Protein backbone atom coordinates (compact mmCIF):
# COMPACT_ATOMS: atom_id res chain seq x y z
CA UNK A 1 95.20 11.19 -147.76
CA UNK A 2 95.45 9.81 -144.28
CA UNK A 3 93.43 12.19 -142.17
CA UNK A 4 93.95 12.47 -138.44
CA UNK A 5 93.30 15.22 -135.92
CA UNK A 6 95.24 14.82 -132.72
CA UNK A 7 94.28 16.01 -129.27
CA UNK A 8 97.81 16.10 -127.93
CA UNK A 9 98.48 15.43 -124.28
CA UNK A 10 101.84 16.89 -123.36
CA UNK A 11 104.03 16.36 -120.38
CA UNK A 12 104.34 19.63 -118.56
CA UNK A 13 107.37 21.40 -119.93
CA UNK A 14 108.18 24.93 -118.87
CA UNK A 15 104.77 25.79 -117.45
CA UNK A 16 105.11 28.67 -115.03
CA UNK A 17 101.58 30.10 -114.82
CA UNK A 18 99.80 29.84 -111.46
CA UNK A 19 96.22 29.85 -110.28
CA UNK A 20 96.97 33.23 -108.70
CA UNK A 21 96.22 34.59 -112.18
CA UNK A 22 92.55 34.05 -111.36
CA UNK A 23 92.46 35.85 -108.00
CA UNK A 24 90.58 38.74 -109.61
CA UNK A 25 87.67 36.35 -110.32
CA UNK A 26 87.21 35.33 -106.68
CA UNK A 27 83.70 36.11 -105.37
CA UNK A 28 82.68 37.29 -108.86
CA UNK A 29 81.25 34.61 -111.14
CA UNK A 30 77.95 32.98 -110.23
CA UNK A 31 77.53 29.26 -109.76
CA UNK A 32 74.96 29.20 -112.58
CA UNK A 33 77.35 30.95 -114.97
CA UNK A 34 80.19 28.52 -114.22
CA UNK A 35 77.98 25.45 -114.33
CA UNK A 36 76.37 26.42 -117.63
CA UNK A 37 79.75 27.11 -119.21
CA UNK A 38 81.11 23.73 -118.16
CA UNK A 39 77.99 21.93 -119.36
CA UNK A 40 77.59 23.60 -122.75
CA UNK A 41 81.19 24.21 -123.79
CA UNK A 42 83.83 22.50 -121.66
CA UNK A 43 82.84 19.00 -120.56
CA UNK A 44 82.80 16.19 -123.09
CA UNK A 45 83.70 13.30 -120.81
CA UNK A 46 82.28 12.56 -117.37
CA UNK A 47 85.77 11.36 -116.39
CA UNK A 48 87.07 14.91 -116.02
CA UNK A 49 84.84 15.27 -112.94
CA UNK A 50 87.58 13.34 -111.15
CA UNK A 51 89.50 16.62 -111.18
CA UNK A 52 86.87 19.18 -110.20
CA UNK A 53 83.71 19.63 -108.18
CA UNK A 54 81.00 22.27 -108.30
CA UNK A 55 80.06 22.87 -104.68
CA UNK A 56 77.41 25.23 -103.39
CA UNK A 57 79.91 28.00 -102.71
CA UNK A 58 82.86 27.30 -105.05
CA UNK A 59 84.40 25.47 -107.99
CA UNK A 60 87.11 23.21 -106.55
CA UNK A 61 90.01 21.75 -108.55
CA UNK A 62 91.89 18.59 -107.57
CA UNK A 63 95.28 17.34 -108.78
CA UNK A 64 94.11 13.73 -109.04
CA UNK A 65 91.12 11.46 -108.42
CA UNK A 66 92.83 10.34 -105.21
CA UNK A 67 93.10 13.94 -104.05
CA UNK A 68 89.42 14.45 -104.75
CA UNK A 69 88.55 11.36 -102.69
CA UNK A 70 90.65 12.74 -99.82
CA UNK A 71 89.24 16.28 -100.34
CA UNK A 72 92.78 17.54 -100.82
CA UNK A 73 92.00 20.73 -102.75
CA UNK A 74 94.35 22.20 -105.36
CA UNK A 75 92.44 25.44 -105.93
CA UNK A 76 89.10 26.93 -104.94
CA UNK A 77 87.28 29.56 -107.00
CA UNK A 78 84.63 31.06 -104.72
CA UNK A 79 81.38 31.99 -106.44
CA UNK A 80 79.81 35.44 -106.53
CA UNK A 81 76.60 36.57 -108.16
CA UNK A 82 77.75 37.88 -111.57
CA UNK A 83 76.90 36.50 -114.98
CA UNK A 84 79.10 38.62 -117.26
CA UNK A 85 77.64 39.96 -120.47
CA UNK A 86 79.69 39.01 -123.50
CA UNK A 87 81.88 41.94 -124.49
CA UNK A 88 83.92 41.98 -127.67
CA UNK A 89 87.65 42.26 -127.17
CA UNK A 90 87.78 44.33 -130.32
CA UNK A 91 87.43 47.72 -128.62
CA UNK A 92 89.65 49.57 -131.10
CA UNK A 93 89.51 50.07 -134.88
CA UNK A 94 90.59 47.38 -137.33
CA UNK A 95 93.65 49.44 -138.26
CA UNK A 96 94.92 48.98 -134.70
CA UNK A 97 94.19 45.26 -134.48
CA UNK A 98 96.79 42.62 -133.65
CA UNK A 99 95.92 39.39 -135.43
CA UNK A 100 97.84 36.11 -135.27
CA UNK A 101 97.53 33.62 -138.13
CA UNK A 102 98.72 30.03 -137.86
CA UNK A 103 98.85 28.25 -141.23
CA UNK A 104 98.24 24.63 -140.28
CA UNK A 105 100.79 21.88 -140.79
CA UNK A 106 104.01 22.18 -142.86
CA UNK A 107 103.39 21.12 -146.44
CA UNK A 108 106.06 20.91 -149.10
CA UNK A 109 108.76 18.38 -148.32
CA UNK A 110 106.98 17.30 -145.13
CA UNK A 111 103.51 16.72 -146.60
CA UNK A 112 103.93 12.96 -146.81
CA UNK A 113 105.61 12.66 -143.42
CA UNK A 114 102.75 14.49 -141.75
CA UNK A 115 100.24 12.60 -143.91
CA UNK A 116 98.48 15.76 -145.06
CA UNK A 117 98.25 15.45 -148.84
CA UNK A 118 95.74 14.57 -151.53
CA UNK A 119 96.71 12.28 -154.40
CA UNK A 120 93.91 11.38 -156.80
CA UNK A 121 94.63 10.08 -160.29
CA UNK A 122 96.67 12.92 -161.84
CA UNK A 123 96.03 15.40 -158.99
CA UNK A 124 98.39 16.14 -156.13
CA UNK A 125 98.46 18.92 -153.54
CA UNK A 126 98.95 19.23 -149.80
CA UNK A 127 97.11 20.97 -146.98
CA UNK A 128 100.15 22.68 -145.45
CA UNK A 129 100.90 24.54 -148.69
CA UNK A 130 97.25 25.55 -149.17
CA UNK A 131 97.07 26.81 -145.59
CA UNK A 132 100.27 28.84 -145.91
CA UNK A 133 99.21 30.51 -149.16
CA UNK A 134 95.81 31.32 -147.63
CA UNK A 135 97.52 32.86 -144.60
CA UNK A 136 99.91 34.84 -146.77
CA UNK A 137 97.06 36.32 -148.80
CA UNK A 138 95.04 37.11 -145.67
CA UNK A 139 98.06 38.74 -144.03
CA UNK A 140 98.55 41.03 -147.02
CA UNK A 141 94.92 42.15 -147.02
CA UNK A 142 94.86 42.76 -143.26
CA UNK A 143 98.10 44.74 -143.35
CA UNK A 144 96.63 46.91 -146.09
CA UNK A 145 93.95 47.79 -143.51
CA UNK A 146 96.63 48.73 -140.98
CA UNK A 147 96.55 45.56 -138.87
CA UNK A 148 99.66 44.18 -137.20
CA UNK A 149 99.83 40.52 -138.24
CA UNK A 150 101.88 37.59 -136.98
CA UNK A 151 102.43 34.48 -139.11
CA UNK A 152 103.65 31.54 -137.04
CA UNK A 153 105.64 30.10 -139.94
CA UNK A 154 107.33 31.85 -142.81
CA UNK A 155 107.42 29.41 -145.73
CA UNK A 156 105.96 26.26 -147.24
CA UNK A 157 107.65 23.22 -145.73
CA UNK A 158 108.55 25.13 -142.58
CA UNK A 159 107.15 25.04 -139.06
CA UNK A 160 107.57 27.29 -136.04
CA UNK A 161 110.03 25.18 -134.06
CA UNK A 162 113.56 26.55 -134.13
CA UNK A 163 115.20 23.34 -135.33
CA UNK A 164 114.48 21.66 -138.68
CA UNK A 165 113.05 18.16 -138.36
CA UNK A 166 116.05 16.38 -139.90
CA UNK A 167 118.53 18.36 -137.80
CA UNK A 168 116.45 17.58 -134.72
CA UNK A 169 116.35 13.90 -135.72
CA UNK A 170 120.15 13.70 -135.79
CA UNK A 171 120.19 14.75 -132.15
CA UNK A 172 117.56 12.19 -131.12
CA UNK A 173 118.78 8.75 -132.24
CA UNK A 174 116.73 7.19 -129.42
CA UNK A 175 113.73 7.47 -131.75
CA UNK A 176 115.01 6.36 -135.15
CA UNK A 177 117.44 3.69 -133.91
CA UNK A 178 114.43 1.65 -132.82
CA UNK A 179 113.22 1.39 -136.41
CA UNK A 180 110.17 3.58 -135.82
CA UNK A 181 108.80 5.03 -139.09
CA UNK A 182 109.78 8.63 -139.73
CA UNK A 183 106.14 9.68 -140.06
CA UNK A 184 105.44 8.32 -136.56
CA UNK A 185 108.42 10.17 -135.12
CA UNK A 186 107.36 13.34 -136.88
CA UNK A 187 103.76 13.20 -135.63
CA UNK A 188 104.33 11.90 -132.11
CA UNK A 189 107.39 13.88 -131.16
CA UNK A 190 108.55 16.67 -133.47
CA UNK A 191 105.10 17.96 -134.36
CA UNK A 192 104.26 18.31 -130.67
CA UNK A 193 107.28 20.53 -130.16
CA UNK A 194 106.27 22.58 -133.18
CA UNK A 195 102.71 23.07 -131.94
CA UNK A 196 104.00 24.34 -128.61
CA UNK A 197 106.32 26.72 -130.45
CA UNK A 198 103.34 28.10 -132.38
CA UNK A 199 101.31 28.59 -129.21
CA UNK A 200 104.22 30.30 -127.46
CA UNK A 201 104.80 32.69 -130.37
CA UNK A 202 101.11 33.59 -130.47
CA UNK A 203 100.79 34.14 -126.72
CA UNK A 204 103.92 36.32 -126.69
CA UNK A 205 102.41 38.40 -129.50
CA UNK A 206 99.24 38.95 -127.41
CA UNK A 207 96.81 39.15 -130.34
CA UNK A 208 93.26 40.42 -130.28
CA UNK A 209 92.30 37.41 -132.39
CA UNK A 210 93.99 34.21 -133.54
CA UNK A 211 93.04 32.36 -136.71
CA UNK A 212 94.23 28.80 -137.28
CA UNK A 213 93.87 28.01 -140.97
CA UNK A 214 93.23 24.45 -142.09
CA UNK A 215 91.55 22.61 -144.94
CA UNK A 216 89.48 19.49 -144.44
CA UNK A 217 89.18 15.91 -145.69
CA UNK A 218 86.78 13.05 -144.96
CA UNK A 219 86.38 9.37 -145.90
CA UNK A 220 89.76 9.62 -147.55
CA UNK A 221 91.51 6.27 -147.02
CA UNK A 222 91.89 3.65 -149.73
CA UNK A 223 93.64 0.26 -149.51
CA UNK A 224 96.59 1.91 -151.26
CA UNK A 225 97.58 4.40 -148.53
CA UNK A 226 99.28 6.73 -151.01
CA UNK A 227 95.98 7.40 -152.78
CA UNK A 228 93.02 9.49 -151.65
CA UNK A 229 89.40 8.47 -152.02
CA UNK A 230 87.12 11.00 -153.71
CA UNK A 231 83.89 12.05 -152.01
CA UNK A 232 80.80 14.05 -152.96
CA UNK A 233 80.58 15.58 -149.49
CA UNK A 234 81.59 19.20 -148.95
CA UNK A 235 81.16 21.48 -145.94
CA UNK A 236 82.84 24.03 -143.67
CA UNK A 237 83.28 24.11 -139.93
CA UNK A 238 85.11 26.04 -137.21
CA UNK A 239 86.53 24.66 -133.98
CA UNK A 240 86.65 26.73 -130.80
CA UNK A 241 88.05 25.70 -127.39
CA UNK A 242 86.30 23.30 -125.04
CA UNK A 243 85.13 19.66 -124.93
CA UNK A 244 87.70 18.31 -122.48
CA UNK A 245 87.90 14.53 -122.80
CA UNK A 246 89.07 11.67 -120.63
CA UNK A 247 92.55 12.31 -119.24
CA UNK A 248 92.60 15.94 -120.35
CA UNK A 249 92.58 17.47 -116.87
CA UNK A 250 95.40 15.27 -115.63
CA UNK A 251 98.10 17.96 -115.57
CA UNK A 252 98.20 21.30 -113.79
CA UNK A 253 98.62 22.97 -117.19
CA UNK A 254 95.39 21.36 -118.45
CA UNK A 255 93.51 22.45 -115.35
CA UNK A 256 94.91 25.97 -115.63
CA UNK A 257 93.49 26.36 -119.14
CA UNK A 258 90.20 24.76 -118.10
CA UNK A 259 89.90 27.42 -115.39
CA UNK A 260 91.03 30.17 -117.77
CA UNK A 261 88.25 29.27 -120.20
CA UNK A 262 85.74 29.39 -117.34
CA UNK A 263 86.88 32.74 -115.93
CA UNK A 264 87.67 34.75 -119.06
CA UNK A 265 85.52 35.48 -122.06
CA UNK A 266 87.99 33.84 -124.46
CA UNK A 267 85.44 31.12 -125.15
CA UNK A 268 82.43 33.40 -125.67
CA UNK A 269 84.39 35.70 -127.97
CA UNK A 270 85.69 32.72 -129.93
CA UNK A 271 82.10 31.53 -130.35
CA UNK A 272 80.97 34.93 -131.64
CA UNK A 273 83.76 35.11 -134.20
CA UNK A 274 83.25 31.47 -135.25
CA UNK A 275 79.63 32.16 -136.12
CA UNK A 276 80.76 35.09 -138.25
CA UNK A 277 83.31 32.94 -140.04
CA UNK A 278 80.81 30.18 -140.76
CA UNK A 279 78.45 32.73 -142.29
CA UNK A 280 81.13 34.07 -144.65
CA UNK A 281 82.48 30.62 -145.49
CA UNK A 282 78.94 29.66 -146.48
CA UNK A 283 78.12 32.76 -148.49
CA UNK A 284 81.46 33.43 -150.16
CA UNK A 285 82.56 29.86 -150.85
CA UNK A 286 79.06 28.59 -151.64
CA UNK A 287 79.62 25.60 -149.38
CA UNK A 288 77.29 24.86 -146.43
CA UNK A 289 78.31 24.48 -142.79
CA UNK A 290 78.36 21.03 -141.25
CA UNK A 291 75.02 20.53 -139.50
CA UNK A 292 74.70 17.75 -136.96
CA UNK A 293 73.39 17.05 -133.49
CA UNK A 294 75.84 14.18 -132.95
CA UNK A 295 78.65 14.36 -130.43
CA UNK A 296 80.94 12.37 -132.72
CA UNK A 297 80.95 13.86 -136.17
CA UNK A 298 82.31 12.31 -139.36
CA UNK A 299 85.88 11.81 -138.23
CA UNK A 300 85.82 14.63 -135.69
CA UNK A 301 85.10 12.76 -132.49
CA UNK A 302 85.34 14.33 -129.06
CA UNK A 303 83.53 17.49 -130.16
CA UNK A 304 80.60 19.35 -128.67
CA UNK A 305 78.13 20.92 -131.08
CA UNK A 306 77.70 24.65 -130.38
CA UNK A 307 75.89 25.79 -133.54
CA UNK A 308 75.71 24.86 -137.22
CA UNK A 309 79.33 24.61 -138.28
CA UNK A 310 80.73 25.55 -134.83
CA UNK A 311 82.21 22.84 -132.60
CA UNK A 312 84.09 22.89 -129.30
CA UNK A 313 87.19 20.71 -129.40
CA UNK A 314 90.14 20.42 -127.06
CA UNK A 315 92.93 20.36 -129.61
CA UNK A 316 96.42 21.33 -128.55
CA UNK A 317 96.26 24.85 -129.97
CA UNK A 318 92.66 25.55 -128.99
CA UNK A 319 93.74 24.79 -125.41
CA UNK A 320 97.15 26.46 -125.23
CA UNK A 321 96.45 29.71 -127.10
CA UNK A 322 95.06 32.49 -124.94
CA UNK A 323 92.45 34.96 -126.16
CA UNK A 324 89.70 34.50 -128.77
CA UNK A 325 90.54 32.03 -131.52
CA UNK A 326 88.95 30.21 -134.43
CA UNK A 327 90.32 27.00 -135.93
CA UNK A 328 88.91 27.03 -139.45
CA UNK A 329 88.36 23.82 -141.43
CA UNK A 330 87.24 25.02 -144.84
CA UNK A 331 86.19 22.83 -147.76
CA UNK A 332 86.67 19.10 -148.24
CA UNK A 333 89.89 18.71 -150.20
CA UNK A 334 88.97 15.29 -151.54
CA UNK A 335 85.56 16.44 -152.74
CA UNK A 336 85.38 15.56 -156.44
CA UNK A 337 85.05 19.20 -157.57
CA UNK A 338 87.20 20.86 -154.90
CA UNK A 339 90.12 18.53 -155.60
CA UNK A 340 90.23 19.71 -159.20
CA UNK A 341 90.06 23.37 -158.21
CA UNK A 342 92.62 23.02 -155.39
CA UNK A 343 95.13 21.38 -157.72
CA UNK A 344 95.09 24.26 -160.21
CA UNK A 345 97.64 27.08 -160.20
CA UNK A 346 95.66 29.83 -161.86
CA UNK A 347 96.29 32.53 -159.23
CA UNK A 348 99.28 34.03 -157.44
CA UNK A 349 99.98 35.05 -153.85
CA UNK A 350 103.13 37.11 -153.31
CA UNK A 351 104.39 35.76 -156.64
CA UNK A 352 103.73 32.13 -155.72
CA UNK A 353 101.38 30.19 -158.03
CA UNK A 354 98.29 29.00 -156.18
CA UNK A 355 94.70 27.84 -156.72
CA UNK A 356 92.07 30.52 -157.18
CA UNK A 357 90.11 28.70 -154.49
CA UNK A 358 92.79 29.60 -151.94
CA UNK A 359 92.28 33.28 -152.69
CA UNK A 360 88.54 32.76 -152.23
CA UNK A 361 89.09 31.23 -148.80
CA UNK A 362 91.39 34.08 -147.74
CA UNK A 363 88.73 36.54 -148.86
CA UNK A 364 86.10 34.78 -146.75
CA UNK A 365 88.33 35.09 -143.66
CA UNK A 366 89.02 38.74 -144.46
CA UNK A 367 85.38 39.65 -144.98
CA UNK A 368 84.41 37.96 -141.72
CA UNK A 369 87.06 39.85 -139.75
CA UNK A 370 86.22 43.24 -141.23
CA UNK A 371 82.50 42.66 -140.70
CA UNK A 372 83.07 41.61 -137.11
CA UNK A 373 85.07 44.73 -136.35
CA UNK A 374 82.47 46.94 -137.97
CA UNK A 375 79.68 45.35 -135.89
CA UNK A 376 81.60 45.62 -132.63
């Protein structure tokens, strides 16, 4: 299994939000609050300081390093004296909750194109299918509690973008006529469109909470790229927004979301929920959280450590999706024992054969959500 996580940098497409959205925060947030948030959650690379400055009286954004040198300000957020207490967004009962679920990747016919599959001896399965079945099971259980649930994709081998990959490819010969491998075209171009479609659907839904469901893999490459290397390692982790890296404040859209994460409590609420998830992943799945003090962690570079099993990372969807979110990375698929369990079809979700382990993961998500609502 070739295992990559991309921090996509997109050209600004139809981005219509303005900094006026943050007028309500003028003269409100204290300098200490803003500085601490940037330090502990948002800044991974020193390079992003080319696009902002924390002055005595305000946080100032700049459109470019040249603009900063010329003191040509793009936006100024004037400080106040407030350090907001973290308040849960979940102010209504679980049966009134709006929850968005994004099953990661595509799976099925696209598993090899997106390089998200495990093939070990006589075992074969793919992450996109596992994620979809997990989401489907979680959706059913949440709806039984009265929740309104959005799934960003509706089937295995399907994404959220309106046009199928092969139909889209026919209309873009400028990519395949150059002899570029299909997997490269899929990952660099089509998948980016699909991720934006997922974020747009979620933001239009205006959920109280968004869950992005993924499974994990480490140390997976072998000389034969079609095969997956087994490992004894196994752990869980959850990504939340933050950890902006070099070049990731270069567009107005990037800077908008950087400022949104400073002003709103999306980040704090994501952190609260992530801790809950890690607890239930650990207890229900009997797999520990990833514990490390390193900034670059076992294939997950560009991450800031927030707590055991909780890491800030500026992935496309953790940046673009508004509101509290958790990007779950449960289990190591190429773990020697997990691979066997994840390849079995001893359970069923909505009539579809699936591994019992998938149902366990869905249950861990469900228990964490219900517990969080009960506590808040």
